[in-house]
Amino acid sequence: MTKATELRSLDPVDRVQKLADARQELFNLRFQLATGRLDNVSRIREVRREVARLLTLRREQDLTESEEQ
C-alpha cells in the first residue's frame, strides 16, 4: 500500500503510470476472483484504495492548476 505522501513525491508521469498499473492489477484481481483462483481477496480492497488515492491526487493537481490561471 502506497501512502499519499509517497505518491505526491512522484512525477506526474509516474503517477499516471502507477494509476494505469493499479487499474490493470484490479482488473486481473477481479478476473481471478471470478474464476475462483484468487487467494488474497483483501488485495482487491487495497488496490481500489490506491486507485482512489491516485485519482484524488490528480483532482487536487487539476484544481491547483485551474486556480493558478
PDB file of N, CA and C in Angstrom:
ATOM      1  N   MET A   1       0.851  -1.168   0.000  1.00  0.00           N
ATOM      2  CA  MET A   1       0.000   0.000   0.000  1.00  0.00           C
ATOM      3  C   MET A   1       0.899   1.234   0.000  1.00  0.00           C
ATOM      4  N   THR A   2       0.590   2.150  -0.874  1.00  0.00           N
ATOM      5  CA  THR A   2       1.354   3.367  -1.006  1.00  0.00           C
ATOM      6  C   THR A   2       0.605   4.505  -0.330  1.00  0.00           C
ATOM      7  N   LYS A   3       1.339   5.293   0.455  1.00  0.00           N
ATOM      8  CA  LYS A   3       0.719   6.420   1.135  1.00  0.00           C
ATOM      9  C   LYS A   3       0.636   7.616   0.206  1.00  0.00           C
ATOM     10  N   ALA A   4      -0.266   8.532   0.518  1.00  0.00           N
ATOM     11  CA  ALA A   4      -0.479   9.713  -0.316  1.00  0.00           C
ATOM     12  C   ALA A   4       0.765  10.590  -0.347  1.00  0.00           C
ATOM     13  N   THR A   5       1.503  10.660   0.751  1.00  0.00           N
ATOM     14  CA  THR A   5       2.714  11.483   0.767  1.00  0.00           C
ATOM     15  C   THR A   5       3.762  10.925  -0.185  1.00  0.00           C
ATOM     16  N   GLU A   6       3.846   9.616  -0.268  1.00  0.00           N
ATOM     17  CA  GLU A   6       4.788   8.994  -1.204  1.00  0.00           C
ATOM     18  C   GLU A   6       4.344   9.238  -2.641  1.00  0.00           C
ATOM     19  N   LEU A   7       3.042   9.211  -2.881  1.00  0.00           N
ATOM     20  CA  LEU A   7       2.530   9.431  -4.227  1.00  0.00           C
ATOM     21  C   LEU A   7       2.702  10.881  -4.659  1.00  0.00           C
ATOM     22  N   ARG A   8       2.595  11.810  -3.715  1.00  0.00           N
ATOM     23  CA  ARG A   8       2.791  13.225  -4.043  1.00  0.00           C
ATOM     24  C   ARG A   8       4.218  13.507  -4.479  1.00  0.00           C
ATOM     25  N   SER A   9       5.151  12.750  -3.978  1.00  0.00           N
ATOM     26  CA  SER A   9       6.552  12.983  -4.310  1.00  0.00           C
ATOM     27  C   SER A   9       6.915  12.475  -5.713  1.00  0.00           C
ATOM     28  N   LEU A  10       6.030  11.696  -6.325  1.00  0.00           N
ATOM     29  CA  LEU A  10       6.290  11.170  -7.661  1.00  0.00           C
ATOM     30  C   LEU A  10       6.038  12.231  -8.723  1.00  0.00           C
ATOM     31  N   ASP A  11       6.679  12.067  -9.867  1.00  0.00           N
ATOM     32  CA  ASP A  11       6.413  12.921 -11.016  1.00  0.00           C
ATOM     33  C   ASP A  11       5.001  12.642 -11.517  1.00  0.00           C
ATOM     34  N   PRO A  12       4.364  13.629 -12.154  1.00  0.00           N
ATOM     35  CA  PRO A  12       3.015  13.392 -12.692  1.00  0.00           C
ATOM     36  C   PRO A  12       2.970  12.227 -13.693  1.00  0.00           C
ATOM     37  N   VAL A  13       4.029  12.067 -14.472  1.00  0.00           N
ATOM     38  CA  VAL A  13       4.074  10.971 -15.436  1.00  0.00           C
ATOM     39  C   VAL A  13       4.120   9.629 -14.707  1.00  0.00           C
ATOM     40  N   ASP A  14       4.886   9.572 -13.624  1.00  0.00           N
ATOM     41  CA  ASP A  14       4.968   8.342 -12.841  1.00  0.00           C
ATOM     42  C   ASP A  14       3.627   8.016 -12.180  1.00  0.00           C
ATOM     43  N   ARG A  15       2.920   9.061 -11.732  1.00  0.00           N
ATOM     44  CA  ARG A  15       1.607   8.830 -11.126  1.00  0.00           C
ATOM     45  C   ARG A  15       0.609   8.275 -12.136  1.00  0.00           C
ATOM     46  N   VAL A  16       0.668   8.791 -13.357  1.00  0.00           N
ATOM     47  CA  VAL A  16      -0.227   8.288 -14.405  1.00  0.00           C
ATOM     48  C   VAL A  16       0.078   6.817 -14.690  1.00  0.00           C
ATOM     49  N   GLN A  17       1.362   6.485 -14.751  1.00  0.00           N
ATOM     50  CA  GLN A  17       1.753   5.091 -14.997  1.00  0.00           C
ATOM     51  C   GLN A  17       1.341   4.197 -13.839  1.00  0.00           C
ATOM     52  N   LYS A  18       1.489   4.704 -12.604  1.00  0.00           N
ATOM     53  CA  LYS A  18       1.105   3.922 -11.440  1.00  0.00           C
ATOM     54  C   LYS A  18      -0.410   3.698 -11.422  1.00  0.00           C
ATOM     55  N   LEU A  19      -1.179   4.695 -11.854  1.00  0.00           N
ATOM     56  CA  LEU A  19      -2.626   4.546 -11.935  1.00  0.00           C
ATOM     57  C   LEU A  19      -3.002   3.488 -12.965  1.00  0.00           C
ATOM     58  N   ALA A  20      -2.352   3.520 -14.101  1.00  0.00           N
ATOM     59  CA  ALA A  20      -2.633   2.513 -15.136  1.00  0.00           C
ATOM     60  C   ALA A  20      -2.284   1.114 -14.642  1.00  0.00           C
ATOM     61  N   ASP A  21      -1.163   1.001 -13.947  1.00  0.00           N
ATOM     62  CA  ASP A  21      -0.759  -0.300 -13.405  1.00  0.00           C
ATOM     63  C   ASP A  21      -1.749  -0.804 -12.360  1.00  0.00           C
ATOM     64  N   ALA A  22      -2.206   0.106 -11.505  1.00  0.00           N
ATOM     65  CA  ALA A  22      -3.152  -0.284 -10.452  1.00  0.00           C
ATOM     66  C   ALA A  22      -4.483  -0.718 -11.060  1.00  0.00           C
ATOM     67  N   ARG A  23      -4.932  -0.009 -12.087  1.00  0.00           N
ATOM     68  CA  ARG A  23      -6.184  -0.399 -12.737  1.00  0.00           C
ATOM     69  C   ARG A  23      -6.052  -1.758 -13.421  1.00  0.00           C
ATOM     70  N   GLN A  24      -4.904  -2.007 -14.018  1.00  0.00           N
ATOM     71  CA  GLN A  24      -4.670  -3.310 -14.660  1.00  0.00           C
ATOM     72  C   GLN A  24      -4.632  -4.420 -13.611  1.00  0.00           C
ATOM     73  N   GLU A  25      -3.978  -4.146 -12.477  1.00  0.00           N
ATOM     74  CA  GLU A  25      -3.931  -5.144 -11.406  1.00  0.00           C
ATOM     75  C   GLU A  25      -5.333  -5.414 -10.860  1.00  0.00           C
ATOM     76  N   LEU A  26      -6.136  -4.355 -10.717  1.00  0.00           N
ATOM     77  CA  LEU A  26      -7.503  -4.528 -10.235  1.00  0.00           C
ATOM     78  C   LEU A  26      -8.319  -5.384 -11.196  1.00  0.00           C
ATOM     79  N   PHE A  27      -8.141  -5.146 -12.492  1.00  0.00           N
ATOM     80  CA  PHE A  27      -8.827  -5.971 -13.487  1.00  0.00           C
ATOM     81  C   PHE A  27      -8.420  -7.432 -13.346  1.00  0.00           C
ATOM     82  N   ASN A  28      -7.117  -7.667 -13.217  1.00  0.00           N
ATOM     83  CA  ASN A  28      -6.623  -9.045 -13.078  1.00  0.00           C
ATOM     84  C   ASN A  28      -7.149  -9.709 -11.806  1.00  0.00           C
ATOM     85  N   LEU A  29      -7.197  -8.947 -10.712  1.00  0.00           N
ATOM     86  CA  LEU A  29      -7.699  -9.498  -9.455  1.00  0.00           C
ATOM     87  C   LEU A  29      -9.178  -9.860  -9.567  1.00  0.00           C
ATOM     88  N   ARG A  30      -9.958  -9.002 -10.210  1.00  0.00           N
ATOM     89  CA  ARG A  30     -11.374  -9.302 -10.398  1.00  0.00           C
ATOM     90  C   ARG A  30     -11.569 -10.519 -11.291  1.00  0.00           C
ATOM     91  N   PHE A  31     -10.724 -10.638 -12.293  1.00  0.00           N
ATOM     92  CA  PHE A  31     -10.793 -11.796 -13.176  1.00  0.00           C
ATOM     93  C   PHE A  31     -10.471 -13.074 -12.398  1.00  0.00           C
ATOM     94  N   GLN A  32      -9.432 -13.026 -11.564  1.00  0.00           N
ATOM     95  CA  GLN A  32      -9.073 -14.173 -10.749  1.00  0.00           C
ATOM     96  C   GLN A  32     -10.188 -14.523  -9.766  1.00  0.00           C
ATOM     97  N   LEU A  33     -10.846 -13.501  -9.226  1.00  0.00           N
ATOM     98  CA  LEU A  33     -11.953 -13.739  -8.303  1.00  0.00           C
ATOM     99  C   LEU A  33     -13.100 -14.454  -9.011  1.00  0.00           C
ATOM    100  N   ALA A  34     -13.384 -14.026 -10.230  1.00  0.00           N
ATOM    101  CA  ALA A  34     -14.489 -14.622 -10.979  1.00  0.00           C
ATOM    102  C   ALA A  34     -14.196 -16.073 -11.361  1.00  0.00           C
ATOM    103  N   THR A  35     -12.933 -16.378 -11.593  1.00  0.00           N
ATOM    104  CA  THR A  35     -12.579 -17.740 -11.978  1.00  0.00           C
ATOM    105  C   THR A  35     -12.254 -18.620 -10.775  1.00  0.00           C
ATOM    106  N   GLY A  36     -12.268 -18.035  -9.582  1.00  0.00           N
ATOM    107  CA  GLY A  36     -12.017 -18.815  -8.371  1.00  0.00           C
ATOM    108  C   GLY A  36     -10.560 -19.086  -8.094  1.00  0.00           C
ATOM    109  N   ARG A  37      -9.658 -18.278  -8.654  1.00  0.00           N
ATOM    110  CA  ARG A  37      -8.225 -18.515  -8.464  1.00  0.00           C
ATOM    111  C   ARG A  37      -7.580 -17.506  -7.535  1.00  0.00           C
ATOM    112  N   LEU A  38      -8.360 -16.588  -6.961  1.00  0.00           N
ATOM    113  CA  LEU A  38      -7.811 -15.530  -6.108  1.00  0.00           C
ATOM    114  C   LEU A  38      -7.626 -16.052  -4.693  1.00  0.00           C
ATOM    115  N   ASP A  39      -6.404 -15.936  -4.175  1.00  0.00           N
ATOM    116  CA  ASP A  39      -6.108 -16.396  -2.824  1.00  0.00           C
ATOM    117  C   ASP A  39      -6.299 -15.283  -1.794  1.00  0.00           C
ATOM    118  N   ASN A  40      -5.857 -14.062  -2.134  1.00  0.00           N
ATOM    119  CA  ASN A  40      -5.897 -12.948  -1.198  1.00  0.00           C
ATOM    120  C   ASN A  40      -6.976 -11.960  -1.636  1.00  0.00           C
ATOM    121  N   VAL A  41      -8.175 -12.131  -1.123  1.00  0.00           N
ATOM    122  CA  VAL A  41      -9.304 -11.302  -1.519  1.00  0.00           C
ATOM    123  C   VAL A  41      -9.131  -9.867  -1.026  1.00  0.00           C
ATOM    124  N   SER A  42      -8.437  -9.667   0.072  1.00  0.00           N
ATOM    125  CA  SER A  42      -8.269  -8.321   0.617  1.00  0.00           C
ATOM    126  C   SER A  42      -7.396  -7.441  -0.271  1.00  0.00           C
ATOM    127  N   ARG A  43      -6.661  -8.034  -1.186  1.00  0.00           N
ATOM    128  CA  ARG A  43      -5.823  -7.253  -2.106  1.00  0.00           C
ATOM    129  C   ARG A  43      -6.689  -6.375  -3.014  1.00  0.00           C
ATOM    130  N   ILE A  44      -7.899  -6.831  -3.325  1.00  0.00           N
ATOM    131  CA  ILE A  44      -8.811  -6.030  -4.153  1.00  0.00           C
ATOM    132  C   ILE A  44      -9.097  -4.704  -3.461  1.00  0.00           C
ATOM    133  N   ARG A  45      -9.360  -4.754  -2.180  1.00  0.00           N
ATOM    134  CA  ARG A  45      -9.647  -3.539  -1.410  1.00  0.00           C
ATOM    135  C   ARG A  45      -8.443  -2.603  -1.407  1.00  0.00           C
ATOM    136  N   GLU A  46      -7.259  -3.147  -1.216  1.00  0.00           N
ATOM    137  CA  GLU A  46      -6.048  -2.333  -1.195  1.00  0.00           C
ATOM    138  C   GLU A  46      -5.829  -1.626  -2.526  1.00  0.00           C
ATOM    139  N   VAL A  47      -6.010  -2.342  -3.612  1.00  0.00           N
ATOM    140  CA  VAL A  47      -5.777  -1.770  -4.934  1.00  0.00           C
ATOM    141  C   VAL A  47      -6.850  -0.734  -5.247  1.00  0.00           C
ATOM    142  N   ARG A  48      -8.096  -0.986  -4.868  1.00  0.00           N
ATOM    143  CA  ARG A  48      -9.157   0.001  -5.084  1.00  0.00           C
ATOM    144  C   ARG A  48      -8.841   1.300  -4.361  1.00  0.00           C
ATOM    145  N   ARG A  49      -8.335   1.201  -3.151  1.00  0.00           N
ATOM    146  CA  ARG A  49      -7.986   2.400  -2.391  1.00  0.00           C
ATOM    147  C   ARG A  49      -6.799   3.133  -3.006  1.00  0.00           C
ATOM    148  N   GLU A  50      -5.849   2.378  -3.544  1.00  0.00           N
ATOM    149  CA  GLU A  50      -4.714   3.012  -4.208  1.00  0.00           C
ATOM    150  C   GLU A  50      -5.174   3.772  -5.452  1.00  0.00           C
ATOM    151  N   VAL A  51      -6.091   3.192  -6.206  1.00  0.00           N
ATOM    152  CA  VAL A  51      -6.654   3.873  -7.375  1.00  0.00           C
ATOM    153  C   VAL A  51      -7.351   5.160  -6.922  1.00  0.00           C
ATOM    154  N   ALA A  52      -8.105   5.084  -5.842  1.00  0.00           N
ATOM    155  CA  ALA A  52      -8.808   6.257  -5.331  1.00  0.00           C
ATOM    156  C   ALA A  52      -7.828   7.337  -4.891  1.00  0.00           C
ATOM    157  N   ARG A  53      -6.740   6.943  -4.232  1.00  0.00           N
ATOM    158  CA  ARG A  53      -5.721   7.918  -3.830  1.00  0.00           C
ATOM    159  C   ARG A  53      -5.116   8.622  -5.044  1.00  0.00           C
ATOM    160  N   LEU A  54      -4.794   7.856  -6.059  1.00  0.00           N
ATOM    161  CA  LEU A  54      -4.200   8.430  -7.260  1.00  0.00           C
ATOM    162  C   LEU A  54      -5.167   9.369  -7.973  1.00  0.00           C
ATOM    163  N   LEU A  55      -6.431   8.995  -8.026  1.00  0.00           N
ATOM    164  CA  LEU A  55      -7.423   9.860  -8.652  1.00  0.00           C
ATOM    165  C   LEU A  55      -7.635  11.138  -7.841  1.00  0.00           C
ATOM    166  N   THR A  56      -7.579  11.031  -6.524  1.00  0.00           N
ATOM    167  CA  THR A  56      -7.706  12.202  -5.662  1.00  0.00           C
ATOM    168  C   THR A  56      -6.551  13.160  -5.889  1.00  0.00           C
ATOM    169  N   LEU A  57      -5.344  12.629  -5.972  1.00  0.00           N
ATOM    170  CA  LEU A  57      -4.184  13.476  -6.213  1.00  0.00           C
ATOM    171  C   LEU A  57      -4.263  14.148  -7.575  1.00  0.00           C
ATOM    172  N   ARG A  58      -4.765  13.427  -8.567  1.00  0.00           N
ATOM    173  CA  ARG A  58      -4.916  14.009  -9.900  1.00  0.00           C
ATOM    174  C   ARG A  58      -5.932  15.146  -9.861  1.00  0.00           C
ATOM    175  N   ARG A  59      -7.011  14.954  -9.130  1.00  0.00           N
ATOM    176  CA  ARG A  59      -8.026  16.002  -9.000  1.00  0.00           C
ATOM    177  C   ARG A  59      -7.459  17.216  -8.266  1.00  0.00           C
ATOM    178  N   GLU A  60      -6.687  17.001  -7.210  1.00  0.00           N
ATOM    179  CA  GLU A  60      -6.056  18.105  -6.496  1.00  0.00           C
ATOM    180  C   GLU A  60      -5.145  18.897  -7.425  1.00  0.00           C
ATOM    181  N   GLN A  61      -4.395  18.195  -8.229  1.00  0.00           N
ATOM    182  CA  GLN A  61      -3.488  18.846  -9.165  1.00  0.00           C
ATOM    183  C   GLN A  61      -4.276  19.661 -10.193  1.00  0.00           C
ATOM    184  N   ASP A  62      -5.367  19.121 -10.695  1.00  0.00           N
ATOM    185  CA  ASP A  62      -6.205  19.848 -11.646  1.00  0.00           C
ATOM    186  C   ASP A  62      -6.768  21.124 -11.027  1.00  0.00           C
ATOM    187  N   LEU A  63      -7.195  21.034  -9.775  1.00  0.00           N
ATOM    188  CA  LEU A  63      -7.751  22.202  -9.104  1.00  0.00           C
ATOM    189  C   LEU A  63      -6.701  23.284  -8.862  1.00  0.00           C
ATOM    190  N   THR A  64      -5.502  22.891  -8.482  1.00  0.00           N
ATOM    191  CA  THR A  64      -4.451  23.883  -8.252  1.00  0.00           C
ATOM    192  C   THR A  64      -4.038  24.541  -9.565  1.00  0.00           C
ATOM    193  N   GLU A  65      -4.047  23.786 -10.650  1.00  0.00           N
ATOM    194  CA  GLU A  65      -3.706  24.355 -11.947  1.00  0.00           C
ATOM    195  C   GLU A  65      -4.782  25.336 -12.402  1.00  0.00           C
ATOM    196  N   SER A  66      -6.044  25.036 -12.134  1.00  0.00           N
ATOM    197  CA  SER A  66      -7.121  25.938 -12.545  1.00  0.00           C
ATOM    198  C   SER A  66      -7.138  27.204 -11.696  1.00  0.00           C
ATOM    199  N   GLU A  67      -6.721  27.110 -10.429  1.00  0.00           N
ATOM    200  CA  GLU A  67      -6.658  28.289  -9.560  1.00  0.00           C
ATOM    201  C   GLU A  67      -5.531  29.228 -10.004  1.00  0.00           C
ATOM    202  N   GLU A  68      -4.474  28.681 -10.556  1.00  0.00           N
ATOM    203  CA  GLU A  68      -3.343  29.489 -10.985  1.00  0.00           C
ATOM    204  C   GLU A  68      -3.677  30.305 -12.223  1.00  0.00           C
ATOM    205  N   GLN A  69      -4.641  29.880 -12.976  1.00  0.00           N
ATOM    206  CA  GLN A  69      -4.971  30.582 -14.232  1.00  0.00           C
ATOM    207  C   GLN A  69      -5.861  31.751 -14.011  1.00  0.00           C
TER     208      GLN A  69
END
